[in-house]
Structures are given as structure tokens and as C-alpha cells.
């Protein structure tokens, strides 16, 4: 029992250290780029020794790859929870998509530096972590695809929609709209941005007025 508690304590501390390193790395890389960011700077920003970085990650590239996994994993989990919460409340698939749009905006509002970094990396094709990025991206899009497919099956959505492309378009809409909001229209509230995207969703997907 004591051994189990001690192991859990070490695991918790290591996870907390990794979280600090993720936050330091994403901020620095968003500010000055991957190549210009050094392990020393990441360690200093995180408030740990340089050796701690290498204890947790074999290299700066591995750290960044794990950062992508971690960040997109959080986004995927938030999208899935939004869909599941809507289902538990008895909502339809359009309601689930709307809840997922809000969940995506909340995530981006909470992690703006990571979102900027993630979107920038999607356009690069020469990175060592490209395959990892494609895998984690698909995991997030797949959650939206699942809701769309269920909506097609139950007749809520037209069976003529291209599910993979529509899912990608919805995720892309949230990412781009949110970045535009934060960069060029920061005076707008999250509720305001969500309402605008919600109206677009209602018109483009369900065909309902309002």
C-alpha cells in the first residue's frame, strides 16, 4: 500500500514537471520558433534544471512531439465530452456539434499559444513529427465524424454530406475563427463568437432557420 502510494506520488510529480515543460516550450516556440528555442531556455522558463528536461524527454524534438500529443489529446477529450454530455441531456446531433464548437472555443481561449503553434505546424511538411501530427489531428476530427455519421444514420443530416470533409471543415472553421477572434477581434466575447458559429452551423448543416 505504501509502495503504491509512493509510486503514485512520483508519477504525479513527474506529470506536474512535464506540464511545466509543455507550458514553457509552447510559449517559447510560439514566440520565437522551434529552431530558435533552446533546451536551456525551456528549462529556465519552466524553473527546472536542464537535466530535468532530458530526464523526461530524449530531445527537444521529442518534447515537441509529446507536446502535440498532449495538447491535441486535451482538445479531443473536450470535444468527446461535449458530445457525450449533449447525448446524456437528450440533445440531437446538431446540438452535439454546437456543444463541440463551444468546447473547441473554450479550449482555444485557454490555450491560445498551443493553438497558434498547432495550426502553424499543420502547414509544414518537413518536420520529424509530421506523422504524429497527422495521427493526433485525425483523432480530433474522428470525434466530429462520429457525430456526423450518427446524424446521417438517424436522418438528422442528409446522407449526401461528405462526412470526412465536413468534419474537417467544422474543425477548421473553429480553429481559424478563433485565431481571427483572438488576433483581430479580441474585444468580442467567447459567447459572441460561439453564437456566430452556431448560426452558421444551423444554416449549413441542419438547414433550419434561426
N, C-alpha and C. Protein backbone atom coordinates (compact mmCIF):
# COMPACT_ATOMS: atom_id res chain seq x y z
N UNK A 1 0.84 -1.21 0.00
CA UNK A 1 0.00 0.00 0.00
C UNK A 1 0.86 1.25 0.00
N UNK A 2 1.88 1.26 0.87
CA UNK A 2 2.78 2.41 0.93
C UNK A 2 3.56 2.53 -0.37
N UNK A 3 3.98 1.37 -0.89
CA UNK A 3 4.73 1.38 -2.14
C UNK A 3 3.88 1.95 -3.27
N UNK A 4 2.61 1.53 -3.29
CA UNK A 4 1.70 2.03 -4.32
C UNK A 4 1.51 3.52 -4.19
N UNK A 5 1.38 4.02 -2.97
CA UNK A 5 1.20 5.46 -2.75
C UNK A 5 2.43 6.23 -3.17
N UNK A 6 3.61 5.67 -2.86
CA UNK A 6 4.86 6.33 -3.23
C UNK A 6 4.99 6.41 -4.75
N UNK A 7 4.64 5.30 -5.41
CA UNK A 7 4.71 5.28 -6.87
C UNK A 7 3.76 6.31 -7.48
N UNK A 8 2.56 6.39 -6.90
CA UNK A 8 1.58 7.36 -7.38
C UNK A 8 2.09 8.78 -7.20
N UNK A 9 2.78 9.01 -6.06
CA UNK A 9 3.32 10.34 -5.78
C UNK A 9 4.38 10.74 -6.78
N UNK A 10 5.27 9.80 -7.12
CA UNK A 10 6.32 10.06 -8.11
C UNK A 10 5.70 10.35 -9.47
N UNK A 11 4.68 9.55 -9.82
CA UNK A 11 4.01 9.74 -11.10
C UNK A 11 3.34 11.11 -11.19
N UNK A 12 2.72 11.53 -10.08
CA UNK A 12 2.05 12.83 -10.05
C UNK A 12 3.06 13.96 -10.20
N UNK A 13 4.19 13.84 -9.49
CA UNK A 13 5.23 14.87 -9.57
C UNK A 13 5.82 14.94 -10.97
N UNK A 14 6.04 13.78 -11.58
CA UNK A 14 6.60 13.76 -12.92
C UNK A 14 5.63 14.39 -13.92
N UNK A 15 4.34 14.10 -13.73
CA UNK A 15 3.34 14.68 -14.63
C UNK A 15 3.28 16.19 -14.47
N UNK A 16 3.43 16.66 -13.22
CA UNK A 16 3.43 18.10 -12.97
C UNK A 16 4.64 18.76 -13.62
N UNK A 17 5.80 18.08 -13.55
CA UNK A 17 7.01 18.59 -14.19
C UNK A 17 6.84 18.65 -15.70
N UNK A 18 6.29 17.59 -16.26
CA UNK A 18 6.06 17.56 -17.71
C UNK A 18 5.11 18.69 -18.12
N UNK A 19 4.09 18.94 -17.30
CA UNK A 19 3.15 20.01 -17.62
C UNK A 19 3.86 21.36 -17.66
N UNK A 20 4.75 21.59 -16.71
CA UNK A 20 5.52 22.84 -16.69
C UNK A 20 6.40 22.96 -17.93
N UNK A 21 6.99 21.85 -18.34
CA UNK A 21 7.84 21.85 -19.54
C UNK A 21 7.01 22.09 -20.80
N UNK A 22 5.83 21.48 -20.86
CA UNK A 22 4.94 21.71 -22.00
C UNK A 22 4.60 23.20 -22.11
N UNK A 23 4.21 23.79 -20.98
CA UNK A 23 3.79 25.20 -20.98
C UNK A 23 4.94 26.12 -21.36
N UNK A 24 6.13 25.82 -20.84
CA UNK A 24 7.30 26.63 -21.17
C UNK A 24 7.64 26.50 -22.65
N UNK A 25 7.63 25.27 -23.15
CA UNK A 25 8.01 25.02 -24.54
C UNK A 25 7.03 25.66 -25.51
N UNK A 26 5.74 25.50 -25.25
CA UNK A 26 4.76 26.02 -26.20
C UNK A 26 4.81 27.54 -26.25
N UNK A 27 5.04 28.19 -25.12
CA UNK A 27 5.12 29.65 -25.09
C UNK A 27 6.34 30.14 -25.85
N UNK A 28 7.49 29.53 -25.58
CA UNK A 28 8.73 29.95 -26.23
C UNK A 28 8.70 29.68 -27.74
N UNK A 29 8.24 28.50 -28.12
CA UNK A 29 8.22 28.15 -29.54
C UNK A 29 7.23 29.01 -30.30
N UNK A 30 6.11 29.35 -29.66
CA UNK A 30 5.15 30.24 -30.30
C UNK A 30 5.74 31.63 -30.48
N UNK A 31 6.58 32.04 -29.54
CA UNK A 31 7.18 33.38 -29.59
C UNK A 31 8.31 33.48 -30.60
N UNK A 32 9.19 32.46 -30.65
CA UNK A 32 10.40 32.60 -31.46
C UNK A 32 10.69 31.46 -32.42
N UNK A 33 9.81 30.48 -32.49
CA UNK A 33 10.01 29.38 -33.42
C UNK A 33 10.74 28.20 -32.79
N UNK A 34 10.58 27.03 -33.41
CA UNK A 34 11.17 25.81 -32.86
C UNK A 34 12.70 25.86 -32.91
N UNK A 35 13.25 26.20 -34.06
CA UNK A 35 14.71 26.17 -34.22
C UNK A 35 15.43 27.14 -33.30
N UNK A 36 14.82 28.30 -33.06
CA UNK A 36 15.47 29.32 -32.24
C UNK A 36 15.35 29.05 -30.75
N UNK A 37 14.46 28.16 -30.37
CA UNK A 37 14.24 27.86 -28.95
C UNK A 37 15.21 26.78 -28.49
N UNK A 38 15.90 27.04 -27.40
CA UNK A 38 16.88 26.08 -26.88
C UNK A 38 16.33 25.35 -25.66
N UNK A 39 16.93 24.21 -25.37
CA UNK A 39 16.55 23.44 -24.19
C UNK A 39 16.84 24.24 -22.93
N UNK A 40 17.94 25.00 -22.94
CA UNK A 40 18.26 25.85 -21.79
C UNK A 40 17.14 26.85 -21.51
N UNK A 41 16.61 27.44 -22.56
CA UNK A 41 15.53 28.42 -22.40
C UNK A 41 14.26 27.76 -21.86
N UNK A 42 13.98 26.57 -22.36
CA UNK A 42 12.79 25.84 -21.89
C UNK A 42 12.94 25.52 -20.41
N UNK A 43 14.12 25.05 -20.02
CA UNK A 43 14.37 24.71 -18.62
C UNK A 43 14.25 25.95 -17.73
N UNK A 44 14.83 27.05 -18.20
CA UNK A 44 14.78 28.29 -17.42
C UNK A 44 13.35 28.78 -17.26
N UNK A 45 12.58 28.76 -18.35
CA UNK A 45 11.19 29.23 -18.30
C UNK A 45 10.36 28.33 -17.38
N UNK A 46 10.65 27.03 -17.39
CA UNK A 46 9.90 26.09 -16.57
C UNK A 46 10.36 26.09 -15.11
N UNK A 47 11.52 26.68 -14.86
CA UNK A 47 12.03 26.73 -13.50
C UNK A 47 12.63 25.41 -13.04
N UNK A 48 13.23 24.66 -13.99
CA UNK A 48 13.84 23.38 -13.65
C UNK A 48 15.27 23.34 -14.22
N UNK A 49 16.03 22.34 -13.81
CA UNK A 49 17.38 22.16 -14.33
C UNK A 49 17.32 21.59 -15.74
N UNK A 50 18.35 21.88 -16.54
CA UNK A 50 18.40 21.38 -17.91
C UNK A 50 18.31 19.85 -17.93
N UNK A 51 18.95 19.23 -16.96
CA UNK A 51 18.92 17.76 -16.89
C UNK A 51 17.52 17.21 -16.72
N UNK A 52 16.64 17.98 -16.10
CA UNK A 52 15.26 17.55 -15.90
C UNK A 52 14.54 17.42 -17.23
N UNK A 53 14.87 18.31 -18.16
CA UNK A 53 14.26 18.23 -19.49
C UNK A 53 14.63 16.91 -20.14
N UNK A 54 15.93 16.57 -20.10
CA UNK A 54 16.39 15.34 -20.74
C UNK A 54 15.98 14.09 -19.97
N UNK A 55 15.70 14.24 -18.69
CA UNK A 55 15.20 13.10 -17.91
C UNK A 55 13.80 12.73 -18.37
N UNK A 56 13.02 13.72 -18.75
CA UNK A 56 11.64 13.49 -19.17
C UNK A 56 11.50 13.28 -20.67
N UNK A 57 12.39 13.89 -21.45
CA UNK A 57 12.30 13.80 -22.91
C UNK A 57 13.71 13.62 -23.48
N UNK A 58 13.84 12.73 -24.45
CA UNK A 58 15.16 12.42 -25.01
C UNK A 58 15.78 13.60 -25.74
N UNK A 59 14.95 14.48 -26.28
CA UNK A 59 15.47 15.61 -27.05
C UNK A 59 14.40 16.69 -27.14
N UNK A 60 14.77 17.83 -27.69
CA UNK A 60 13.80 18.92 -27.89
C UNK A 60 12.71 18.47 -28.86
N UNK A 61 13.09 17.72 -29.89
CA UNK A 61 12.10 17.25 -30.86
C UNK A 61 11.10 16.30 -30.22
N UNK A 62 11.58 15.43 -29.35
CA UNK A 62 10.68 14.51 -28.65
C UNK A 62 9.74 15.28 -27.73
N UNK A 63 10.27 16.28 -27.06
CA UNK A 63 9.44 17.13 -26.21
C UNK A 63 8.33 17.76 -27.03
N UNK A 64 8.68 18.30 -28.20
CA UNK A 64 7.68 18.97 -29.02
C UNK A 64 6.65 17.98 -29.53
N UNK A 65 7.10 16.79 -29.91
CA UNK A 65 6.18 15.76 -30.39
C UNK A 65 5.19 15.36 -29.31
N UNK A 66 5.71 15.19 -28.09
CA UNK A 66 4.83 14.84 -26.97
C UNK A 66 3.90 16.01 -26.62
N UNK A 67 4.39 17.22 -26.81
CA UNK A 67 3.56 18.40 -26.58
C UNK A 67 2.35 18.39 -27.52
N UNK A 68 2.59 18.05 -28.78
CA UNK A 68 1.50 17.95 -29.75
C UNK A 68 0.50 16.87 -29.33
N UNK A 69 1.02 15.73 -28.93
CA UNK A 69 0.14 14.64 -28.48
C UNK A 69 -0.71 15.10 -27.28
N UNK A 70 -0.06 15.73 -26.35
CA UNK A 70 -0.72 16.17 -25.12
C UNK A 70 -1.80 17.21 -25.42
N UNK A 71 -1.44 18.23 -26.18
CA UNK A 71 -2.37 19.32 -26.46
C UNK A 71 -3.57 18.89 -27.27
N UNK A 72 -3.33 18.17 -28.36
CA UNK A 72 -4.44 17.72 -29.20
C UNK A 72 -5.26 16.66 -28.45
N UNK A 73 -4.60 15.92 -27.57
CA UNK A 73 -5.33 14.96 -26.74
C UNK A 73 -6.33 15.65 -25.83
N UNK A 74 -5.93 16.78 -25.26
CA UNK A 74 -6.85 17.56 -24.42
C UNK A 74 -8.02 18.09 -25.25
N UNK A 75 -7.72 18.57 -26.45
CA UNK A 75 -8.78 19.07 -27.33
C UNK A 75 -9.75 17.95 -27.69
N UNK A 76 -9.22 16.80 -28.06
CA UNK A 76 -10.06 15.66 -28.42
C UNK A 76 -10.95 15.25 -27.27
N UNK A 77 -10.39 15.20 -26.07
CA UNK A 77 -11.17 14.82 -24.89
C UNK A 77 -12.29 15.82 -24.62
N UNK A 78 -12.02 17.10 -24.82
CA UNK A 78 -13.05 18.11 -24.58
C UNK A 78 -14.17 18.02 -25.61
N UNK A 79 -13.82 17.72 -26.86
CA UNK A 79 -14.84 17.54 -27.90
C UNK A 79 -15.69 16.32 -27.60
N UNK A 80 -15.05 15.23 -27.20
CA UNK A 80 -15.79 14.00 -26.91
C UNK A 80 -16.73 14.19 -25.72
N UNK A 81 -16.24 14.87 -24.68
CA UNK A 81 -17.07 15.10 -23.50
C UNK A 81 -18.27 15.98 -23.84
N UNK A 82 -18.08 16.97 -24.72
CA UNK A 82 -19.18 17.84 -25.12
C UNK A 82 -20.26 17.03 -25.84
N UNK A 83 -19.84 16.13 -26.73
CA UNK A 83 -20.80 15.30 -27.46
C UNK A 83 -21.53 14.35 -26.51
N UNK A 84 -20.78 13.75 -25.59
CA UNK A 84 -21.38 12.79 -24.65
C UNK A 84 -22.33 13.49 -23.68
N UNK A 85 -21.97 14.68 -23.24
CA UNK A 85 -22.84 15.43 -22.32
C UNK A 85 -24.15 15.80 -23.01
N UNK A 86 -24.05 16.17 -24.29
CA UNK A 86 -25.26 16.50 -25.05
C UNK A 86 -26.16 15.28 -25.19
N UNK A 87 -25.57 14.12 -25.45
CA UNK A 87 -26.34 12.88 -25.58
C UNK A 87 -27.03 12.54 -24.26
N UNK A 88 -26.31 12.70 -23.15
CA UNK A 88 -26.91 12.41 -21.84
C UNK A 88 -28.08 13.32 -21.54
N UNK A 89 -28.01 14.56 -22.06
CA UNK A 89 -29.08 15.53 -21.83
C UNK A 89 -30.24 15.37 -22.82
N UNK A 90 -30.10 14.42 -23.75
CA UNK A 90 -31.17 14.16 -24.70
C UNK A 90 -31.14 15.05 -25.94
N UNK A 91 -30.04 15.73 -26.18
CA UNK A 91 -29.94 16.61 -27.33
C UNK A 91 -29.69 15.84 -28.62
N UNK A 92 -29.93 16.51 -29.74
CA UNK A 92 -29.71 15.90 -31.04
C UNK A 92 -28.28 16.08 -31.51
N UNK A 93 -28.02 15.65 -32.73
CA UNK A 93 -26.65 15.71 -33.25
C UNK A 93 -26.22 17.14 -33.61
N UNK A 94 -27.15 17.97 -34.04
CA UNK A 94 -26.79 19.37 -34.27
C UNK A 94 -26.42 20.02 -32.94
N UNK A 95 -27.17 19.68 -31.89
CA UNK A 95 -26.85 20.19 -30.55
C UNK A 95 -25.46 19.73 -30.12
N UNK A 96 -25.13 18.48 -30.45
CA UNK A 96 -23.81 17.94 -30.09
C UNK A 96 -22.71 18.70 -30.83
N UNK A 97 -22.92 18.95 -32.12
CA UNK A 97 -21.92 19.71 -32.89
C UNK A 97 -21.77 21.12 -32.33
N UNK A 98 -22.89 21.73 -31.96
CA UNK A 98 -22.85 23.07 -31.40
C UNK A 98 -22.08 23.08 -30.08
N UNK A 99 -22.30 22.07 -29.25
CA UNK A 99 -21.58 21.96 -27.98
C UNK A 99 -20.09 21.75 -28.22
N UNK A 100 -19.77 21.01 -29.28
CA UNK A 100 -18.37 20.77 -29.61
C UNK A 100 -17.69 22.04 -30.11
N UNK A 101 -18.44 22.86 -30.85
CA UNK A 101 -17.89 24.14 -31.29
C UNK A 101 -17.54 24.99 -30.07
N UNK A 102 -18.45 25.03 -29.11
CA UNK A 102 -18.17 25.82 -27.90
C UNK A 102 -16.98 25.24 -27.13
N UNK A 103 -16.93 23.91 -27.03
CA UNK A 103 -15.82 23.27 -26.33
C UNK A 103 -14.49 23.60 -27.00
N UNK A 104 -14.50 23.63 -28.34
CA UNK A 104 -13.29 23.98 -29.08
C UNK A 104 -12.87 25.41 -28.81
N UNK A 105 -13.84 26.33 -28.78
CA UNK A 105 -13.54 27.73 -28.50
C UNK A 105 -13.00 27.92 -27.09
N UNK A 106 -13.57 27.20 -26.14
CA UNK A 106 -13.11 27.28 -24.75
C UNK A 106 -11.66 26.79 -24.66
N UNK A 107 -11.37 25.68 -25.34
CA UNK A 107 -10.01 25.14 -25.35
C UNK A 107 -9.03 26.16 -25.94
N UNK A 108 -9.39 26.73 -27.09
CA UNK A 108 -8.50 27.68 -27.77
C UNK A 108 -8.31 28.94 -26.93
N UNK A 109 -9.38 29.38 -26.27
CA UNK A 109 -9.28 30.54 -25.40
C UNK A 109 -8.35 30.27 -24.22
N UNK A 110 -8.34 29.02 -23.76
CA UNK A 110 -7.50 28.65 -22.62
C UNK A 110 -6.05 28.40 -23.04
N UNK A 111 -5.86 27.88 -24.26
CA UNK A 111 -4.52 27.54 -24.73
C UNK A 111 -4.22 28.21 -26.08
N UNK A 112 -4.20 29.53 -26.12
CA UNK A 112 -4.00 30.23 -27.41
C UNK A 112 -2.64 29.97 -28.04
N UNK A 113 -1.59 29.91 -27.23
CA UNK A 113 -0.25 29.70 -27.78
C UNK A 113 -0.14 28.33 -28.43
N UNK A 114 -0.71 27.31 -27.77
CA UNK A 114 -0.67 25.97 -28.35
C UNK A 114 -1.45 25.93 -29.65
N UNK A 115 -2.60 26.58 -29.68
CA UNK A 115 -3.43 26.56 -30.89
C UNK A 115 -2.70 27.21 -32.06
N UNK A 116 -2.06 28.33 -31.82
CA UNK A 116 -1.29 29.00 -32.88
C UNK A 116 -0.20 28.08 -33.40
N UNK A 117 0.47 27.43 -32.48
CA UNK A 117 1.56 26.52 -32.84
C UNK A 117 1.03 25.33 -33.64
N UNK A 118 -0.05 24.76 -33.18
CA UNK A 118 -0.65 23.59 -33.84
C UNK A 118 -1.08 23.92 -35.27
N UNK A 119 -1.76 25.03 -35.45
CA UNK A 119 -2.22 25.42 -36.79
C UNK A 119 -1.02 25.67 -37.70
N UNK A 120 0.02 26.33 -37.17
CA UNK A 120 1.21 26.59 -37.98
C UNK A 120 1.87 25.29 -38.42
N UNK A 121 1.94 24.32 -37.51
CA UNK A 121 2.60 23.05 -37.83
C UNK A 121 1.82 22.23 -38.85
N UNK A 122 0.50 22.42 -38.90
CA UNK A 122 -0.30 21.67 -39.87
C UNK A 122 0.11 21.98 -41.31
N UNK A 123 0.68 23.16 -41.52
CA UNK A 123 1.06 23.58 -42.88
C UNK A 123 2.50 23.20 -43.23
N UNK A 124 3.24 22.67 -42.28
CA UNK A 124 4.63 22.29 -42.55
C UNK A 124 4.70 20.80 -42.85
N UNK A 125 5.51 20.41 -43.80
CA UNK A 125 5.58 19.01 -44.22
C UNK A 125 6.95 18.38 -44.02
N UNK A 126 7.89 19.14 -43.50
CA UNK A 126 9.26 18.62 -43.40
C UNK A 126 9.69 18.36 -41.95
N UNK A 127 8.71 18.20 -41.08
CA UNK A 127 9.04 18.01 -39.67
C UNK A 127 9.14 16.52 -39.34
N UNK A 128 9.98 16.20 -38.35
CA UNK A 128 10.16 14.82 -37.93
C UNK A 128 8.89 14.25 -37.31
N UNK A 129 8.07 15.14 -36.77
CA UNK A 129 6.85 14.71 -36.08
C UNK A 129 5.61 14.80 -36.97
N UNK A 130 5.78 14.92 -38.27
CA UNK A 130 4.65 15.08 -39.18
C UNK A 130 3.64 13.93 -39.06
N UNK A 131 4.15 12.70 -38.99
CA UNK A 131 3.24 11.55 -38.91
C UNK A 131 2.46 11.58 -37.60
N UNK A 132 3.11 11.98 -36.52
CA UNK A 132 2.42 12.09 -35.23
C UNK A 132 1.34 13.15 -35.29
N UNK A 133 1.67 14.26 -35.92
CA UNK A 133 0.70 15.35 -36.05
C UNK A 133 -0.53 14.90 -36.82
N UNK A 134 -0.34 14.14 -37.88
CA UNK A 134 -1.47 13.66 -38.67
C UNK A 134 -2.33 12.69 -37.87
N UNK A 135 -1.69 11.87 -37.06
CA UNK A 135 -2.43 10.90 -36.25
C UNK A 135 -3.30 11.61 -35.22
N UNK A 136 -2.71 12.55 -34.47
CA UNK A 136 -3.47 13.22 -33.42
C UNK A 136 -4.54 14.14 -34.01
N UNK A 137 -4.24 14.74 -35.18
CA UNK A 137 -5.27 15.55 -35.85
C UNK A 137 -6.47 14.69 -36.19
N UNK A 138 -6.21 13.50 -36.74
CA UNK A 138 -7.31 12.62 -37.14
C UNK A 138 -8.12 12.16 -35.93
N UNK A 139 -7.48 12.01 -34.79
CA UNK A 139 -8.21 11.62 -33.59
C UNK A 139 -9.24 12.67 -33.21
N UNK A 140 -8.87 13.94 -33.34
CA UNK A 140 -9.80 15.03 -33.02
C UNK A 140 -10.92 15.08 -34.06
N UNK A 141 -10.56 15.00 -35.33
CA UNK A 141 -11.56 15.06 -36.40
C UNK A 141 -12.51 13.86 -36.32
N UNK A 142 -11.98 12.71 -35.90
CA UNK A 142 -12.79 11.49 -35.84
C UNK A 142 -13.95 11.63 -34.87
N UNK A 143 -13.78 12.40 -33.81
CA UNK A 143 -14.87 12.61 -32.85
C UNK A 143 -16.03 13.33 -33.55
N UNK A 144 -15.72 14.32 -34.37
CA UNK A 144 -16.74 15.05 -35.11
C UNK A 144 -17.35 14.14 -36.17
N UNK A 145 -16.52 13.35 -36.84
CA UNK A 145 -17.02 12.41 -37.84
C UNK A 145 -18.04 11.46 -37.23
N UNK A 146 -17.77 11.00 -36.02
CA UNK A 146 -18.68 10.06 -35.36
C UNK A 146 -20.06 10.66 -35.15
N UNK A 147 -20.10 11.92 -34.73
CA UNK A 147 -21.39 12.59 -34.52
C UNK A 147 -22.11 12.78 -35.85
N UNK A 148 -21.37 13.16 -36.89
CA UNK A 148 -21.98 13.35 -38.20
C UNK A 148 -22.55 12.03 -38.74
N UNK A 149 -21.81 10.94 -38.59
CA UNK A 149 -22.29 9.64 -39.09
C UNK A 149 -23.56 9.21 -38.36
N UNK A 150 -23.59 9.43 -37.05
CA UNK A 150 -24.77 9.09 -36.28
C UNK A 150 -25.96 9.93 -36.73
N UNK A 151 -25.69 11.20 -37.05
CA UNK A 151 -26.75 12.08 -37.53
C UNK A 151 -27.29 11.65 -38.88
N UNK A 152 -26.40 11.15 -39.74
CA UNK A 152 -26.84 10.64 -41.05
C UNK A 152 -27.69 9.39 -40.85
N UNK A 153 -27.24 8.52 -39.96
CA UNK A 153 -27.94 7.26 -39.72
C UNK A 153 -29.34 7.48 -39.16
N UNK A 154 -29.51 8.48 -38.30
CA UNK A 154 -30.83 8.70 -37.71
C UNK A 154 -31.68 9.69 -38.50
N UNK A 155 -31.17 10.14 -39.64
CA UNK A 155 -31.94 11.01 -40.51
C UNK A 155 -31.88 12.49 -40.16
N UNK A 156 -31.07 12.85 -39.18
CA UNK A 156 -30.98 14.27 -38.82
C UNK A 156 -30.18 15.06 -39.85
N UNK A 157 -29.23 14.39 -40.48
CA UNK A 157 -28.43 15.00 -41.53
C UNK A 157 -28.68 14.29 -42.86
N UNK A 158 -28.47 15.01 -43.93
CA UNK A 158 -28.61 14.42 -45.26
C UNK A 158 -27.55 13.35 -45.48
N UNK A 159 -27.96 12.28 -46.16
CA UNK A 159 -26.98 11.22 -46.44
C UNK A 159 -26.06 11.59 -47.61
N UNK A 160 -26.25 12.81 -48.14
CA UNK A 160 -25.40 13.27 -49.23
C UNK A 160 -24.16 14.01 -48.73
N UNK A 161 -24.09 14.30 -47.44
CA UNK A 161 -22.93 15.05 -46.95
C UNK A 161 -21.68 14.17 -46.97
N UNK A 162 -20.56 14.78 -47.24
CA UNK A 162 -19.26 14.11 -47.20
C UNK A 162 -18.77 14.20 -45.77
N UNK A 163 -18.91 13.11 -45.03
CA UNK A 163 -18.63 13.13 -43.59
C UNK A 163 -17.19 13.53 -43.25
N UNK A 164 -16.17 12.89 -43.85
CA UNK A 164 -14.79 13.28 -43.51
C UNK A 164 -14.48 14.74 -43.80
N UNK A 165 -14.92 15.21 -44.98
CA UNK A 165 -14.63 16.58 -45.37
C UNK A 165 -15.41 17.57 -44.50
N UNK A 166 -16.66 17.24 -44.20
CA UNK A 166 -17.48 18.12 -43.36
C UNK A 166 -16.89 18.22 -41.96
N UNK A 167 -16.42 17.10 -41.43
CA UNK A 167 -15.80 17.11 -40.10
C UNK A 167 -14.56 17.97 -40.10
N UNK A 168 -13.71 17.82 -41.11
CA UNK A 168 -12.51 18.63 -41.22
C UNK A 168 -12.85 20.11 -41.35
N UNK A 169 -13.91 20.40 -42.11
CA UNK A 169 -14.32 21.79 -42.31
C UNK A 169 -14.81 22.41 -41.00
N UNK A 170 -15.54 21.65 -40.21
CA UNK A 170 -16.04 22.16 -38.94
C UNK A 170 -14.90 22.44 -37.96
N UNK A 171 -13.96 21.51 -37.88
CA UNK A 171 -12.80 21.71 -37.00
C UNK A 171 -11.99 22.90 -37.49
N UNK A 172 -11.77 22.98 -38.79
CA UNK A 172 -11.01 24.10 -39.35
C UNK A 172 -11.71 25.43 -39.13
N UNK A 173 -13.04 25.43 -39.24
CA UNK A 173 -13.81 26.65 -39.02
C UNK A 173 -13.58 27.18 -37.61
N UNK A 174 -13.62 26.30 -36.64
CA UNK A 174 -13.44 26.72 -35.25
C UNK A 174 -12.02 27.24 -35.03
N UNK A 175 -11.02 26.53 -35.54
CA UNK A 175 -9.63 26.94 -35.36
C UNK A 175 -9.37 28.31 -35.98
N UNK A 176 -9.76 28.48 -37.23
CA UNK A 176 -9.48 29.73 -37.94
C UNK A 176 -10.28 30.88 -37.35
N UNK A 177 -11.56 30.64 -37.06
CA UNK A 177 -12.40 31.70 -36.50
C UNK A 177 -11.87 32.14 -35.14
N UNK A 178 -11.44 31.18 -34.34
CA UNK A 178 -10.93 31.51 -33.02
C UNK A 178 -9.63 32.30 -33.08
N UNK A 179 -8.74 31.92 -33.99
CA UNK A 179 -7.49 32.65 -34.13
C UNK A 179 -7.74 34.07 -34.65
N UNK A 180 -8.69 34.20 -35.57
CA UNK A 180 -9.06 35.53 -36.07
C UNK A 180 -9.63 36.37 -34.93
N UNK A 181 -10.47 35.75 -34.12
CA UNK A 181 -11.07 36.42 -32.96
C UNK A 181 -9.99 36.95 -32.02
N UNK A 182 -9.04 36.10 -31.68
CA UNK A 182 -8.02 36.49 -30.72
C UNK A 182 -7.02 37.48 -31.29
N UNK A 183 -6.75 37.37 -32.57
CA UNK A 183 -5.75 38.25 -33.18
C UNK A 183 -6.31 39.60 -33.62
N UNK A 184 -7.53 39.59 -34.16
CA UNK A 184 -8.06 40.80 -34.79
C UNK A 184 -9.34 41.35 -34.16
N UNK A 185 -10.03 40.53 -33.37
CA UNK A 185 -11.27 41.00 -32.75
C UNK A 185 -11.33 40.60 -31.27
N UNK A 186 -10.28 40.89 -30.52
CA UNK A 186 -10.21 40.43 -29.12
C UNK A 186 -11.27 41.04 -28.22
N UNK A 187 -11.92 42.11 -28.68
CA UNK A 187 -12.95 42.74 -27.86
C UNK A 187 -14.23 41.89 -27.82
N UNK A 188 -14.36 40.95 -28.73
CA UNK A 188 -15.55 40.11 -28.76
C UNK A 188 -15.46 39.04 -27.68
N UNK A 189 -16.59 38.67 -27.12
CA UNK A 189 -16.63 37.65 -26.08
C UNK A 189 -16.70 36.26 -26.69
N UNK A 190 -16.38 35.26 -25.90
CA UNK A 190 -16.48 33.88 -26.35
C UNK A 190 -17.93 33.56 -26.73
N UNK A 191 -18.87 34.05 -25.94
CA UNK A 191 -20.29 33.81 -26.23
C UNK A 191 -20.67 34.39 -27.59
N UNK A 192 -20.13 35.57 -27.90
CA UNK A 192 -20.43 36.23 -29.17
C UNK A 192 -19.90 35.41 -30.35
N UNK A 193 -18.67 34.94 -30.22
CA UNK A 193 -18.06 34.15 -31.30
C UNK A 193 -18.81 32.82 -31.45
N UNK A 194 -19.15 32.20 -30.33
CA UNK A 194 -19.88 30.94 -30.38
C UNK A 194 -21.24 31.14 -31.05
N UNK A 195 -21.92 32.23 -30.74
CA UNK A 195 -23.23 32.49 -31.34
C UNK A 195 -23.12 32.62 -32.86
N UNK A 196 -22.08 33.30 -33.32
CA UNK A 196 -21.90 33.47 -34.76
C UNK A 196 -21.66 32.13 -35.46
N UNK A 197 -20.81 31.29 -34.87
CA UNK A 197 -20.53 29.99 -35.47
C UNK A 197 -21.73 29.06 -35.35
N UNK A 198 -22.47 29.22 -34.27
CA UNK A 198 -23.67 28.40 -34.07
C UNK A 198 -24.71 28.69 -35.15
N UNK A 199 -24.87 29.97 -35.49
CA UNK A 199 -25.81 30.32 -36.55
C UNK A 199 -25.37 29.74 -37.89
N UNK A 200 -24.07 29.76 -38.12
CA UNK A 200 -23.53 29.18 -39.36
C UNK A 200 -23.81 27.68 -39.39
N UNK A 201 -23.58 27.01 -38.27
CA UNK A 201 -23.84 25.57 -38.18
C UNK A 201 -25.31 25.26 -38.46
N UNK A 202 -26.19 26.00 -37.85
CA UNK A 202 -27.62 25.74 -38.03
C UNK A 202 -28.03 25.87 -39.49
N UNK A 203 -27.47 26.84 -40.17
CA UNK A 203 -27.85 27.07 -41.57
C UNK A 203 -27.19 26.09 -42.53
N UNK A 204 -25.90 25.75 -42.26
CA UNK A 204 -25.15 24.94 -43.21
C UNK A 204 -25.39 23.44 -43.04
N UNK A 205 -25.65 23.01 -41.82
CA UNK A 205 -25.73 21.57 -41.59
C UNK A 205 -27.15 21.08 -41.45
N UNK A 206 -27.94 21.72 -40.62
CA UNK A 206 -29.29 21.21 -40.36
C UNK A 206 -30.32 21.76 -41.33
N UNK A 207 -30.03 22.92 -41.93
CA UNK A 207 -31.00 23.51 -42.83
C UNK A 207 -32.11 24.24 -42.12
N UNK A 208 -32.04 24.33 -40.78
CA UNK A 208 -33.08 25.01 -40.02
C UNK A 208 -32.85 26.51 -40.05
N UNK A 209 -33.89 27.26 -39.88
CA UNK A 209 -33.79 28.70 -39.81
C UNK A 209 -33.43 29.11 -38.38
N UNK A 210 -32.92 30.32 -38.25
CA UNK A 210 -32.57 30.83 -36.92
C UNK A 210 -31.13 31.09 -36.87
